Protein backbone atom coordinates (compact mmCIF):
# COMPACT_ATOMS: atom_id res chain seq x y z
CA MET A 1 47.08 72.44 166.36
CA ASP A 2 49.62 74.89 167.79
CA ASN A 3 51.76 72.02 169.09
CA MET A 4 51.55 70.33 165.70
CA LYS A 5 52.56 73.55 163.95
CA THR A 6 55.46 74.07 166.35
CA GLY A 7 56.64 70.50 165.73
CA MET A 8 56.51 71.03 161.96
CA ASP A 9 58.46 74.30 162.31
CA LEU A 10 61.14 72.57 164.37
CA ALA A 11 61.38 69.74 161.86
CA SER A 12 61.65 72.22 158.98
CA GLN A 13 64.31 74.19 160.85
CA LYS A 14 66.27 71.01 161.57
CA LYS A 15 66.02 69.90 157.92
CA ALA A 16 67.19 73.35 156.77
CA GLU A 17 70.17 73.17 159.12
CA GLU A 18 71.09 69.69 157.83
CA ASP A 19 70.72 70.85 154.22
CA GLY A 20 72.93 73.86 155.02
CA LYS A 21 75.60 71.61 156.54
CA GLU A 22 75.48 69.25 153.55
CA GLU A 23 75.72 72.19 151.15
CA GLU A 24 78.67 73.65 153.12
CA LYS A 25 80.37 70.22 153.17
CA SER A 26 79.82 69.78 149.42
CA LYS A 27 81.16 73.28 148.74
CA SER A 28 84.21 72.55 150.90
CA LYS A 29 84.94 69.40 148.86
CA LYS A 30 84.92 71.44 145.64
CA LEU A 31 87.50 73.87 147.01
CA GLY A 32 91.23 73.29 147.21
CA GLY A 33 93.10 70.52 145.45
CA ILE A 34 95.87 70.51 142.91
CA ARG A 35 94.35 73.31 140.82
CA THR A 36 95.20 75.85 143.55
CA MET A 37 98.92 75.03 143.42
CA PRO A 38 99.85 77.27 140.43
CA PHE A 39 98.56 80.32 142.30
CA ILE A 40 100.09 79.43 145.66
CA LEU A 41 103.42 78.31 144.19
CA ALA A 42 103.52 81.37 141.91
CA ASN A 43 103.16 83.52 145.01
CA GLU A 44 105.91 81.68 146.89
CA ILE A 45 108.28 81.50 143.90
CA CYS A 46 107.99 85.26 143.24
CA ASP A 47 108.32 85.96 146.97
CA ARG A 48 111.46 83.81 147.27
CA PHE A 49 112.88 85.36 144.09
CA ALA A 50 112.24 88.86 145.48
CA ALA A 51 113.65 88.05 148.93
CA SER A 52 116.80 86.41 147.54
CA GLY A 53 117.40 89.18 145.02
CA PHE A 54 116.84 91.83 147.66
CA HIS A 55 118.91 90.44 150.55
CA SER A 56 121.73 88.47 148.91
CA ASN A 57 123.71 91.51 147.72
CA MET A 58 122.50 94.10 150.24
CA ILE A 59 125.93 94.26 151.92
CA THR A 60 127.28 95.69 148.64
CA TYR A 61 124.50 98.29 148.48
CA LEU A 62 125.18 99.44 152.03
CA THR A 63 128.96 99.64 151.70
CA ARG A 64 129.17 100.94 148.11
CA GLU A 65 126.02 103.05 147.69
CA LEU A 66 125.42 104.27 151.25
CA ASN A 67 129.15 104.36 152.12
CA MET A 68 128.75 102.41 155.37
CA PRO A 69 131.68 100.81 157.20
CA LEU A 70 131.76 97.02 156.84
CA VAL A 71 130.95 96.16 160.47
CA GLN A 72 128.07 98.66 160.70
CA ALA A 73 126.56 97.40 157.43
CA SER A 74 126.93 93.75 158.42
CA ASN A 75 125.38 94.40 161.84
CA ILE A 76 122.41 96.21 160.29
CA LEU A 77 121.68 93.29 157.97
CA THR A 78 122.10 90.76 160.79
CA ASN A 79 119.82 92.72 163.13
CA PHE A 80 117.06 93.01 160.56
CA GLY A 81 117.64 89.38 159.58
CA GLY A 82 117.07 88.51 163.24
CA THR A 83 113.87 90.56 163.24
CA ALA A 84 112.69 88.82 160.07
CA SER A 85 113.28 85.47 161.78
CA PHE A 86 111.35 86.52 164.90
CA THR A 87 108.24 87.91 163.20
CA PRO A 88 107.07 84.48 161.88
CA LEU A 89 106.13 83.56 165.45
CA ILE A 90 103.92 86.65 165.63
CA GLY A 91 102.48 85.88 162.19
CA ALA A 92 101.74 82.28 163.18
CA LEU A 93 99.96 83.39 166.36
CA ILE A 94 97.87 85.96 164.46
CA ALA A 95 96.93 83.40 161.78
CA ASP A 96 96.06 80.64 164.29
CA SER A 97 94.23 82.90 166.72
CA PHE A 98 91.88 85.05 164.62
CA ALA A 99 93.02 86.16 161.14
CA GLY A 100 93.46 82.85 159.31
CA ARG A 101 96.31 82.00 156.96
CA PHE A 102 94.84 83.53 153.79
CA TRP A 103 94.52 87.07 155.13
CA THR A 104 97.80 86.83 157.04
CA ILE A 105 99.59 86.00 153.75
CA ILE A 106 97.85 88.87 151.93
CA VAL A 107 98.63 91.48 154.58
CA GLY A 108 102.20 90.23 154.98
CA SER A 109 102.79 90.35 151.21
CA VAL A 110 101.48 93.92 150.95
CA ILE A 111 103.70 95.09 153.83
CA TYR A 112 106.71 93.36 152.23
CA GLU A 113 105.93 95.07 148.90
CA LEU A 114 105.82 98.49 150.59
CA GLY A 115 109.31 97.86 151.98
CA LEU A 116 110.64 96.93 148.54
CA VAL A 117 109.02 99.97 146.90
CA SER A 118 110.52 102.38 149.44
CA ILE A 119 114.10 101.07 149.11
CA THR A 120 113.80 100.96 145.30
CA ILE A 121 112.79 104.63 145.28
CA SER A 122 115.79 105.45 147.48
CA ALA A 123 118.06 103.65 144.99
CA VAL A 124 116.61 105.62 142.05
CA LEU A 125 116.61 109.13 143.56
CA PRO A 126 120.15 110.53 144.09
CA SER A 127 118.89 112.81 146.88
CA LEU A 128 118.18 109.74 149.02
CA ARG A 129 121.81 108.50 148.82
CA PRO A 130 125.17 110.07 149.74
CA PRO A 131 127.55 111.10 146.92
CA PRO A 132 129.40 108.18 145.20
CA CYS A 133 132.77 107.23 146.71
CA PRO A 134 134.63 104.93 144.29
CA THR A 135 137.92 105.14 146.23
CA GLN A 136 136.27 104.02 149.49
CA GLU A 137 138.41 106.55 151.36
CA ASN A 138 137.11 109.61 153.27
CA CYS A 139 133.59 108.85 152.07
CA GLN A 140 130.63 111.01 153.04
CA ALA A 141 128.32 108.96 155.24
CA ALA A 142 124.57 108.69 154.66
CA SER A 143 122.49 111.34 156.42
CA THR A 144 120.08 110.56 159.23
CA PHE A 145 117.10 110.93 156.87
CA GLN A 146 118.68 108.57 154.31
CA LEU A 147 119.35 106.01 157.02
CA TRP A 148 115.77 106.24 158.24
CA ILE A 149 114.53 105.44 154.72
CA LEU A 150 116.73 102.33 154.82
CA TYR A 151 115.63 101.29 158.32
CA ILE A 152 111.92 101.70 157.52
CA SER A 153 112.33 99.68 154.31
CA LEU A 154 114.14 96.83 156.10
CA LEU A 155 111.61 96.89 158.95
CA LEU A 156 108.67 96.63 156.52
CA THR A 157 110.25 93.66 154.75
CA SER A 158 110.93 92.00 158.12
CA LEU A 159 107.32 92.47 159.23
CA GLY A 160 106.00 91.24 155.89
CA THR A 161 108.12 88.11 156.14
CA GLY A 162 106.38 87.31 159.42
CA GLY A 163 103.05 87.03 157.61
CA ILE A 164 104.35 85.00 154.67
CA ARG A 165 106.95 82.57 156.00
CA PRO A 166 104.91 80.57 158.56
CA CYS A 167 101.69 80.42 156.52
CA VAL A 168 102.31 79.70 152.83
CA VAL A 169 103.43 76.06 153.09
CA THR A 170 100.77 75.28 155.69
CA PHE A 171 98.10 77.04 153.63
CA ALA A 172 99.13 74.96 150.60
CA ALA A 173 98.87 71.77 152.69
CA ASP A 174 95.35 72.88 153.74
CA GLN A 175 94.25 72.44 150.13
CA PHE A 176 94.67 68.63 150.40
CA ASP A 177 93.17 65.97 152.67
CA MET A 178 96.56 64.67 153.74
CA ASP A 179 95.39 61.85 156.02
CA LYS A 180 92.48 60.34 154.12
CA SER A 181 94.13 58.16 151.53
CA SER A 182 97.44 56.95 150.22
CA ALA A 183 96.84 59.09 147.14
CA ALA A 184 96.59 62.16 149.33
CA ARG A 185 99.76 61.25 151.13
CA SER A 186 101.43 60.73 147.78
CA GLY A 187 100.15 64.16 146.74
CA LYS A 188 101.65 65.61 149.88
CA TRP A 189 105.03 64.10 149.03
CA ASN A 190 104.82 65.37 145.45
CA PHE A 191 103.81 68.81 146.62
CA PHE A 192 106.77 69.20 148.94
CA ASN A 193 109.14 67.92 146.26
CA TRP A 194 107.84 70.53 143.84
CA TYR A 195 107.85 73.15 146.56
CA TYR A 196 111.54 72.80 147.46
CA PHE A 197 112.58 72.39 143.84
CA SER A 198 110.70 75.57 142.88
CA MET A 199 112.22 77.52 145.77
CA GLY A 200 115.71 76.38 144.79
CA ILE A 201 115.21 77.48 141.18
CA ALA A 202 113.83 80.86 142.29
CA THR A 203 116.81 81.45 144.59
CA LEU A 204 119.33 80.42 141.93
CA THR A 205 117.71 82.75 139.40
CA ALA A 206 117.83 85.66 141.83
CA LEU A 207 121.47 85.00 142.73
CA THR A 208 122.50 85.03 139.06
CA VAL A 209 120.17 87.40 137.15
CA VAL A 210 119.30 89.95 139.85
CA VAL A 211 122.78 90.14 141.37
CA TYR A 212 124.31 90.57 137.90
CA VAL A 213 121.90 93.44 137.18
CA GLN A 214 122.74 95.08 140.51
CA ASP A 215 126.49 94.94 139.90
CA ASN A 216 126.53 95.75 136.17
CA VAL A 217 123.34 97.66 135.25
CA GLY A 218 122.39 99.59 138.37
CA TRP A 219 120.59 99.39 141.68
CA GLY A 220 117.40 100.97 140.34
CA TRP A 221 116.71 97.94 138.16
CA GLY A 222 118.53 95.64 140.59
CA LEU A 223 115.97 96.40 143.31
CA GLY A 224 113.13 97.14 140.91
CA ILE A 225 113.04 93.58 139.52
CA PRO A 226 112.40 92.00 142.98
CA THR A 227 109.78 94.69 143.63
CA ILE A 228 107.95 93.81 140.41
CA ALA A 229 108.23 90.09 141.20
CA MET A 230 106.64 90.61 144.62
CA ALA A 231 103.75 92.58 143.08
CA ILE A 232 103.17 89.71 140.62
CA SER A 233 103.12 87.24 143.53
CA ILE A 234 100.33 89.18 145.28
CA ILE A 235 98.26 89.37 142.07
CA ALA A 236 98.73 85.64 141.37
CA PHE A 237 97.69 84.73 144.92
CA LEU A 238 94.55 86.90 144.73
CA ILE A 239 93.48 85.48 141.36
CA GLY A 240 93.10 82.04 142.93
CA SER A 241 91.25 83.28 146.03
CA THR A 242 87.87 81.79 144.99
CA LEU A 243 89.41 78.32 144.68
CA TYR A 244 91.13 78.09 148.08
CA ARG A 245 89.97 76.05 151.01
CA LYS A 246 90.24 78.52 153.90
CA LEU A 247 90.22 76.79 157.27
CA LYS A 248 88.95 78.74 160.24
CA PRO A 249 91.57 79.63 162.88
CA GLY A 250 91.44 77.18 165.77
CA GLY A 251 93.02 79.20 168.54
CA SER A 252 96.60 79.57 169.65
CA PRO A 253 98.32 76.50 171.13
CA LEU A 254 100.30 78.84 173.39
CA ILE A 255 97.10 79.45 175.35
CA ARG A 256 96.92 75.74 176.19
CA LEU A 257 100.49 75.82 177.48
CA ALA A 258 99.61 78.84 179.61
CA GLN A 259 96.52 77.04 180.96
CA VAL A 260 98.63 74.07 182.11
CA ILE A 261 101.14 76.34 183.84
CA VAL A 262 98.41 78.38 185.56
CA ALA A 263 96.55 75.22 186.66
CA ALA A 264 99.77 73.73 188.05
CA VAL A 265 100.53 76.93 189.97
CA LYS A 266 97.01 77.03 191.42
CA LYS A 267 97.36 73.42 192.60
CA ARG A 268 100.97 73.67 193.72
CA LYS A 269 100.02 72.49 197.24
CA GLU A 270 98.14 69.42 195.97
CA ILE A 271 99.85 66.01 196.05
CA ALA A 272 99.78 64.07 192.79
CA PRO A 273 98.53 60.44 193.05
CA GLU A 274 101.13 57.69 192.69
CA ASP A 275 99.07 56.02 189.96
CA PRO A 276 99.10 58.33 186.88
CA LYS A 277 95.84 56.69 185.69
CA LEU A 278 94.06 58.73 188.39
CA LEU A 279 95.06 61.98 186.67
CA TYR A 280 92.45 63.74 184.56
CA GLN A 281 91.93 62.39 181.04
CA ASN A 282 89.22 63.37 178.56
CA LYS A 283 89.46 61.87 175.06
CA GLU A 284 86.54 63.93 173.73
CA LEU A 285 88.07 67.19 174.94
CA ASP A 286 91.45 66.30 173.36
CA ALA A 287 90.02 64.82 170.16
CA ALA A 288 90.73 67.86 168.01
CA ILE A 289 94.35 68.15 169.18
CA SER A 290 95.23 64.43 169.22
CA VAL A 291 94.02 63.16 165.85
CA HIS A 292 97.02 60.87 165.33
CA GLY A 293 97.43 59.74 168.93
CA ARG A 294 97.40 60.98 172.51
CA LEU A 295 100.54 61.71 174.48
CA VAL A 296 100.87 59.35 177.43
CA HIS A 297 102.10 60.22 180.90
CA SER A 298 105.86 60.50 181.39
CA ASP A 299 107.86 60.67 184.62
CA GLN A 300 109.78 63.81 183.67
CA TYR A 301 108.84 67.22 185.08
CA LYS A 302 106.28 65.71 187.46
CA TRP A 303 105.62 69.10 189.02
CA PHE A 304 103.35 69.92 186.09
CA ASP A 305 101.23 66.81 186.82
CA ARG A 306 99.50 68.93 189.47
CA ALA A 307 97.55 70.59 186.67
CA ALA A 308 95.81 67.23 186.00
CA ILE A 309 94.93 66.44 189.65
CA VAL A 310 91.17 66.04 190.08
CA THR A 311 90.07 67.58 193.40
CA GLU A 312 86.94 66.46 195.27
CA SER A 313 84.97 69.52 194.21
CA GLU A 314 85.92 68.96 190.57
CA ALA A 315 85.01 65.27 190.78
CA THR A 316 81.50 66.01 192.05
CA ASN A 317 80.87 68.99 189.74
CA SER A 318 78.78 68.05 186.71
CA ASN A 319 79.75 71.18 184.73
CA PRO A 320 82.69 71.08 182.32
CA PRO A 321 85.92 71.91 184.18
CA SER A 322 87.73 75.20 183.67
CA LEU A 323 90.89 74.53 181.67
CA TRP A 324 92.64 77.21 183.72
CA ARG A 325 92.17 74.97 186.79
CA LEU A 326 92.21 71.42 185.41
CA ALA A 327 94.18 70.15 182.39
CA THR A 328 94.19 66.72 180.78
CA VAL A 329 97.26 64.48 180.82
CA HIS A 330 97.65 65.03 177.06
CA ARG A 331 97.82 68.80 177.54
CA VAL A 332 100.29 68.48 180.41
CA GLU A 333 102.47 66.24 178.23
CA GLU A 334 102.32 68.83 175.44
CA LEU A 335 104.05 71.26 177.77
CA LYS A 336 106.55 68.64 178.91
CA THR A 337 107.36 67.80 175.29
CA ILE A 338 108.10 71.43 174.45
CA ILE A 339 110.33 71.74 177.55
CA ARG A 340 112.25 68.57 176.56
CA MET A 341 112.83 69.98 173.07
CA LEU A 342 114.20 73.35 174.18
CA PRO A 343 117.82 72.29 175.00
CA ILE A 344 118.18 70.63 171.57
CA TRP A 345 116.53 73.62 169.89
CA ALA A 346 118.87 76.01 171.72
CA ALA A 347 121.94 74.32 170.20
CA GLY A 348 120.95 75.84 166.87
CA ILE A 349 121.30 79.38 168.22
CA LEU A 350 125.12 79.39 168.50
CA LEU A 351 125.37 77.72 165.10
CA VAL A 352 123.53 80.72 163.60
CA THR A 353 125.68 83.07 165.71
CA SER A 354 128.88 81.62 164.28
CA SER A 355 127.71 81.87 160.66
CA SER A 356 125.52 85.01 160.83
CA HIS A 357 128.17 87.36 159.37
CA GLN A 358 130.07 84.92 157.20
CA HIS A 359 128.00 85.68 154.10
CA SER A 360 128.71 89.42 154.39
CA PHE A 361 132.43 88.92 155.03
CA THR A 362 132.79 86.38 152.21
CA ILE A 363 131.23 88.79 149.69
CA GLN A 364 133.80 91.40 150.72
CA GLN A 365 136.58 88.84 150.31
CA ALA A 366 135.29 87.87 146.85
CA ARG A 367 135.22 91.51 145.76
CA THR A 368 139.02 91.67 146.18
CA MET A 369 139.70 88.45 144.21
CA ASP A 370 139.94 87.61 140.51
CA ARG A 371 136.36 86.78 139.47
CA HIS A 372 136.79 86.52 135.69
CA LEU A 373 135.26 83.58 133.89
CA SER A 374 136.32 85.08 130.58
CA HIS A 375 138.08 88.23 129.46
CA SER A 376 134.85 90.25 129.62
CA PHE A 377 132.67 88.45 132.17
CA GLU A 378 133.09 88.56 135.97
CA ILE A 379 131.12 86.56 138.55
CA PRO A 380 129.24 88.95 140.87
CA PRO A 381 130.51 88.37 144.44
CA ALA A 382 127.06 87.62 145.86
CA SER A 383 126.43 85.00 143.14
CA LEU A 384 128.96 82.69 144.79
CA SER A 385 126.10 81.57 147.05
CA ILE A 386 124.82 79.47 144.15
CA PHE A 387 127.54 76.92 144.92
CA GLY A 388 126.10 76.41 148.39
CA ILE A 389 122.54 76.17 147.08
CA LEU A 390 123.48 73.74 144.28
CA THR A 391 125.36 71.60 146.83
CA MET A 392 122.34 71.62 149.15
CA LEU A 393 119.85 70.67 146.39
CA SER A 394 122.04 67.88 145.02
CA GLY A 395 122.93 66.85 148.58
CA LEU A 396 119.25 66.32 149.44
CA VAL A 397 118.91 63.91 146.51
CA LEU A 398 122.15 62.08 147.31
CA TYR A 399 121.17 61.90 150.99
CA GLU A 400 118.05 59.89 150.13
CA ARG A 401 119.58 57.84 147.31
CA LEU A 402 123.01 57.02 148.72
CA PHE A 403 123.49 58.02 152.35
CA VAL A 404 120.25 56.56 153.76
CA PRO A 405 120.68 53.06 152.17
CA PHE A 406 124.34 53.01 153.21
CA ALA A 407 123.68 54.11 156.81
CA LYS A 408 120.71 51.74 157.12
CA ARG A 409 123.03 48.76 156.76
CA PHE A 410 124.84 49.72 159.97
CA THR A 411 122.08 51.32 162.05
CA GLY A 412 119.01 49.30 161.03
CA ASN A 413 117.07 52.56 161.12
CA PRO A 414 114.70 52.98 158.11
CA SER A 415 115.77 56.63 157.92
CA GLY A 416 119.46 55.76 158.04
CA VAL A 417 120.11 57.90 161.09
CA THR A 418 117.86 59.62 163.61
CA CYS A 419 117.18 63.32 163.28
CA LEU A 420 119.42 63.95 166.32
CA GLN A 421 122.32 62.08 164.69
CA ARG A 422 121.67 63.97 161.46
CA MET A 423 121.92 67.29 163.30
CA GLY A 424 125.18 66.21 164.96
CA ILE A 425 126.75 65.49 161.56
CA GLY A 426 125.62 68.94 160.40
CA PHE A 427 127.24 70.61 163.41
CA THR A 428 130.53 68.84 162.65
CA VAL A 429 130.56 69.72 158.94
CA ASN A 430 129.83 73.36 159.76
CA ILE A 431 132.91 73.52 162.02
CA LEU A 432 134.99 72.14 159.14
CA ALA A 433 133.54 74.82 156.80
CA THR A 434 134.57 77.63 159.16
CA ILE A 435 138.11 76.21 159.57
CA VAL A 436 138.46 76.01 155.77
CA ALA A 437 137.28 79.65 155.53
CA SER A 438 140.06 80.74 157.89
CA PHE A 439 142.77 79.00 155.81
CA VAL A 440 141.40 80.56 152.60
CA GLU A 441 141.58 84.03 154.15
CA MET A 442 145.17 83.40 155.21
CA LYS A 443 145.98 82.34 151.62
CA ARG A 444 144.24 85.45 150.17
CA LYS A 445 146.21 87.82 152.39
CA ALA A 446 149.48 86.01 151.71
CA VAL A 447 149.01 86.55 147.97
CA ALA A 448 148.12 90.21 148.61
CA ALA A 449 151.31 90.63 150.67
CA ASN A 450 153.46 89.03 147.96
CA HIS A 451 152.12 91.55 145.43
CA HIS A 452 152.32 94.53 147.86
CA LEU A 453 148.52 95.09 147.78
CA LEU A 454 147.70 95.02 151.49
CA ASP A 455 147.23 98.81 151.70
CA ASP A 456 144.93 99.10 148.67
CA PRO A 457 141.33 98.20 149.64
CA ASN A 458 140.17 98.38 145.99
CA ALA A 459 142.95 96.25 144.51
CA ILE A 460 142.12 92.98 142.75
CA ILE A 461 144.40 90.37 144.28
CA PRO A 462 145.69 87.82 141.74
CA ILE A 463 144.01 84.83 143.39
CA ARG A 464 141.02 83.06 141.87
CA VAL A 465 137.68 83.55 143.61
CA PHE A 466 137.05 79.80 143.35
CA TRP A 467 139.19 79.36 146.46
CA LEU A 468 135.99 80.36 148.30
CA VAL A 469 133.88 77.62 146.69
CA PRO A 470 134.85 74.76 149.10
CA GLN A 471 133.50 76.61 152.13
CA PHE A 472 130.22 77.32 150.31
CA CYS A 473 129.93 73.63 149.38
CA LEU A 474 130.63 72.56 152.97
CA HIS A 475 127.97 74.97 154.24
CA GLY A 476 125.55 73.43 151.71
CA ILE A 477 126.34 69.93 153.01
CA ALA A 478 125.94 71.14 156.60
CA GLU A 479 122.52 72.53 155.70
CA VAL A 480 121.42 69.16 154.29
CA PHE A 481 122.17 67.60 157.67
CA MET A 482 121.72 70.36 160.24
CA SER A 483 118.91 72.59 158.91
CA VAL A 484 116.76 69.78 157.55
CA GLY A 485 117.47 67.63 160.60
CA HIS A 486 116.55 70.51 162.90
CA LEU A 487 113.21 71.04 161.14
CA GLU A 488 112.60 67.27 161.14
CA PHE A 489 113.26 67.12 164.88
CA LEU A 490 110.95 70.04 165.63
CA TYR A 491 108.20 68.55 163.46
CA ASP A 492 108.44 64.95 164.73
CA GLN A 493 108.92 65.68 168.41
CA SER A 494 106.46 68.54 168.83
CA PRO A 495 102.81 67.82 169.71
CA GLU A 496 100.83 67.49 166.49
CA SER A 497 98.71 70.55 167.31
CA MET A 498 101.84 72.68 167.80
CA ARG A 499 103.82 71.88 164.69
CA SER A 500 103.35 75.35 163.19
CA THR A 501 104.55 76.88 166.44
CA ALA A 502 107.49 74.47 166.51
CA ALA A 503 108.42 75.53 162.98
CA ALA A 504 108.33 79.12 164.21
CA LEU A 505 110.81 78.08 166.92
CA TYR A 506 113.26 77.29 164.13
CA TRP A 507 113.10 80.90 163.00
CA ILE A 508 113.31 82.15 166.59
CA ALA A 509 116.64 80.29 166.92
CA THR A 510 117.79 82.05 163.75
CA SER A 511 116.63 85.39 165.15
CA VAL A 512 118.38 85.01 168.52
CA GLY A 513 121.51 83.69 166.79
CA ASN A 514 121.64 86.73 164.51
CA TYR A 515 121.34 89.14 167.44
CA ILE A 516 124.09 87.34 169.38
CA GLY A 517 126.18 87.37 166.19
CA THR A 518 125.82 91.14 166.01
CA LEU A 519 126.94 91.44 169.63
CA LEU A 520 129.93 89.16 168.97
CA VAL A 521 131.08 91.09 165.89
CA SER A 522 130.63 94.43 167.70
CA LEU A 523 132.72 93.23 170.66
CA VAL A 524 135.45 91.86 168.38
CA HIS A 525 135.55 95.13 166.43
CA GLU A 526 135.55 97.19 169.63
CA TYR A 527 138.21 95.34 171.61
CA THR A 528 140.75 94.16 169.01
CA GLY A 529 142.27 97.65 168.70
CA GLU A 530 142.61 100.13 165.87
CA LYS A 531 146.02 99.15 164.47
CA ASN A 532 145.45 95.40 164.07
CA ASN A 533 141.67 95.25 164.21
CA TRP A 534 140.31 91.84 163.27
CA LEU A 535 137.36 93.42 161.42
CA PRO A 536 138.42 96.81 160.01
CA ASP A 537 135.88 99.26 158.62
CA ARG A 538 137.34 99.66 155.12
CA ASN A 539 140.45 97.64 154.30
CA LEU A 540 139.85 93.93 154.86
CA ASN A 541 143.43 93.19 153.75
CA ARG A 542 144.75 94.74 156.97
CA GLY A 543 142.27 92.86 159.14
CA ARG A 544 142.48 89.56 160.97
CA LEU A 545 139.35 87.90 159.61
CA GLU A 546 140.98 84.48 160.00
CA TYR A 547 141.19 85.10 163.77
CA TYR A 548 137.47 85.77 163.85
CA TYR A 549 136.88 82.49 162.00
CA TRP A 550 139.04 80.64 164.55
CA LEU A 551 137.02 82.24 167.34
CA VAL A 552 133.67 81.13 165.94
CA SER A 553 135.13 77.66 165.23
CA GLY A 554 135.94 77.38 168.93
CA ILE A 555 132.42 78.50 169.85
CA GLN A 556 131.01 75.81 167.55
CA VAL A 557 133.19 73.11 169.14
CA VAL A 558 131.86 74.04 172.61
CA ASN A 559 128.34 74.08 171.18
CA LEU A 560 128.86 70.62 169.64
CA VAL A 561 129.92 69.19 173.01
CA TYR A 562 126.82 70.77 174.61
CA TYR A 563 124.63 69.32 171.85
CA ILE A 564 126.05 65.79 172.20
CA ILE A 565 125.29 65.85 175.94
CA CYS A 566 121.72 67.08 175.33
CA ALA A 567 121.12 64.54 172.54
CA TRP A 568 122.48 61.71 174.74
CA LEU A 569 120.09 62.63 177.57
CA TYR A 570 117.08 63.35 175.34
CA THR A 571 113.94 61.24 175.82
CA TYR A 572 111.69 60.76 172.78
CA LYS A 573 108.05 61.55 173.36
CA PRO A 574 105.79 58.52 174.04
CA LEU A 575 102.66 58.46 171.90
CA GLU A 576 99.52 56.34 172.10
CA GLU A 577 98.07 55.32 168.75
CA VAL A 578 94.90 53.40 167.95
CA LYS A 579 95.00 51.29 164.77
CA GLU A 580 92.62 48.82 163.20
CA GLU A 581 94.16 45.48 162.22
CA GLY A 582 92.17 42.51 160.95
CA GLY A 583 88.88 43.80 162.35
CA GLU A 584 90.29 44.35 165.82
CA PHE A 585 91.44 47.59 167.37
CA HIS A 586 94.94 47.72 168.88
CA GLU A 587 96.16 50.45 171.13
CA ASN A 588 99.91 50.93 170.72
CA LYS A 589 102.17 53.02 172.87
CA ILE A 590 105.20 53.90 170.83
CA SER A 591 108.19 56.15 171.14
CA GLN A 592 108.69 58.66 168.37
CA ASN A 593 112.10 57.21 167.53
CA GLY A 594 110.17 54.28 166.08
CA SER A 595 110.37 51.75 168.93
CA GLU A 596 107.21 50.19 170.34
CA LEU A 597 106.81 50.59 174.08
CA ALA A 598 103.68 48.64 174.74
CA ARG A 599 100.76 47.06 172.98
CA ASN A 600 97.29 46.37 174.39
CA GLU A 601 94.48 44.71 172.47
CA THR A 602 90.93 45.90 172.97
CA ALA A 603 87.73 44.60 171.55
């Protein structure tokens, strides 16, 4: 009787567990979907609006309201911009390791809001700013306390960005089953179209409305509007919290890379077998991280193959192997893939370095030029960025509609060009944009000299501000090729389980580039003398900004040569896919540039 009772209890317990799993699965199916998009997109739109409105004109706030010298103000913004580009890696690791994307977004948004609130208060209270200095001569600098308010505000926004930037798009994608049907894939395409369109509209609105308010109404409202927008984004995101599908964090992929390195070091004295098929493979162990195909063995960086050597003791041991001593071929190839990508990724650093301060300098140039559209209306200097954004948005459409079909005729590539070729075109266009910027600066100063205005830093030079538009348009075109191509490369060539981390690498390149840009500007300012300084503190008319542009153009040319060499030597990752065709399973080994390497039929 006792045995019978125990059996019934076990059966009941098993049935309860199955019912619980079915209920959890059914509940999971009801969550997510298209109905969550208004809340997620509202959060991202308000966040992008706040970020664009806050950062786009900050150089004016620092130089005009806090009376900072140009180089110091530009370096501060670049340094904190670098920090904001580094923190997404930390945010991605926190989200993947233990916190999950939902709570990482919430905490990041709150921290960002605190930063906006603190700098808005400093813009409203006169005691937190130095006295006004309309002449921009012999100005009283901001006190240490006032500077600390600024630094804390910028630091909070940088930290908040780290929680938002790497998680929102991925969290939105979590709401759909992207791989289960063509409809889902179509939904994915539609989502990303709407996403980028919405972000472009939010940025354009901020660059027109918010910047106009900052320049013509006041900085209290000019910073208050982004602060209010960010608060709305948090509320909108929380309202939809009961509808979201919240995936559990699956652990950091960086730990797997560390395990391969440690295992290879421990087995550094072992000799790898000549036949790579003898290396350790475990499809079940790698199932969760190789959904769309396993990476196959490659002959590069063979030293790391030691991590997959199966020793005699490991072969006879029936217990699961320690991943800190034995790694699968797929995991070893993940590390190799990341190492192969790094030289290409690094090429983006000097590109950011060369353009890190251009936005700040261009705003200062625009402030000295005729910006009238009518007798009573002037274009705010920071609003000139809309020409670059409009060029980028229209360029993305034209790229797909015109460039890809045209290039496909010559290359035979369904995408027109590879992502590496796309990046190379972007590098080239960016060099052209910097050269154009140098000629425009020479023209601006020539007009100032003809009208005897070189010694007046506040004079409006009789030259139309639209001379600056071509360089903004060229930067927009370069972004269509370089920035999108860079992200495409990182996404396609990274292991599928590390795509979030690879996206964070994009922001790390931006971060490092900004820091190097700060060093470059500081050295130029320090060593080009006081009398003919290339980057003077107050009077840009007496500077040699065009020399600085020639310098960074030369850096970009060297970087382009480096990139071409790296792209020429780059080996696309080989991937093993299993597909069902006509009732039979086919195992294909393909290269990620689209070429098929091998094909084996199995029953």
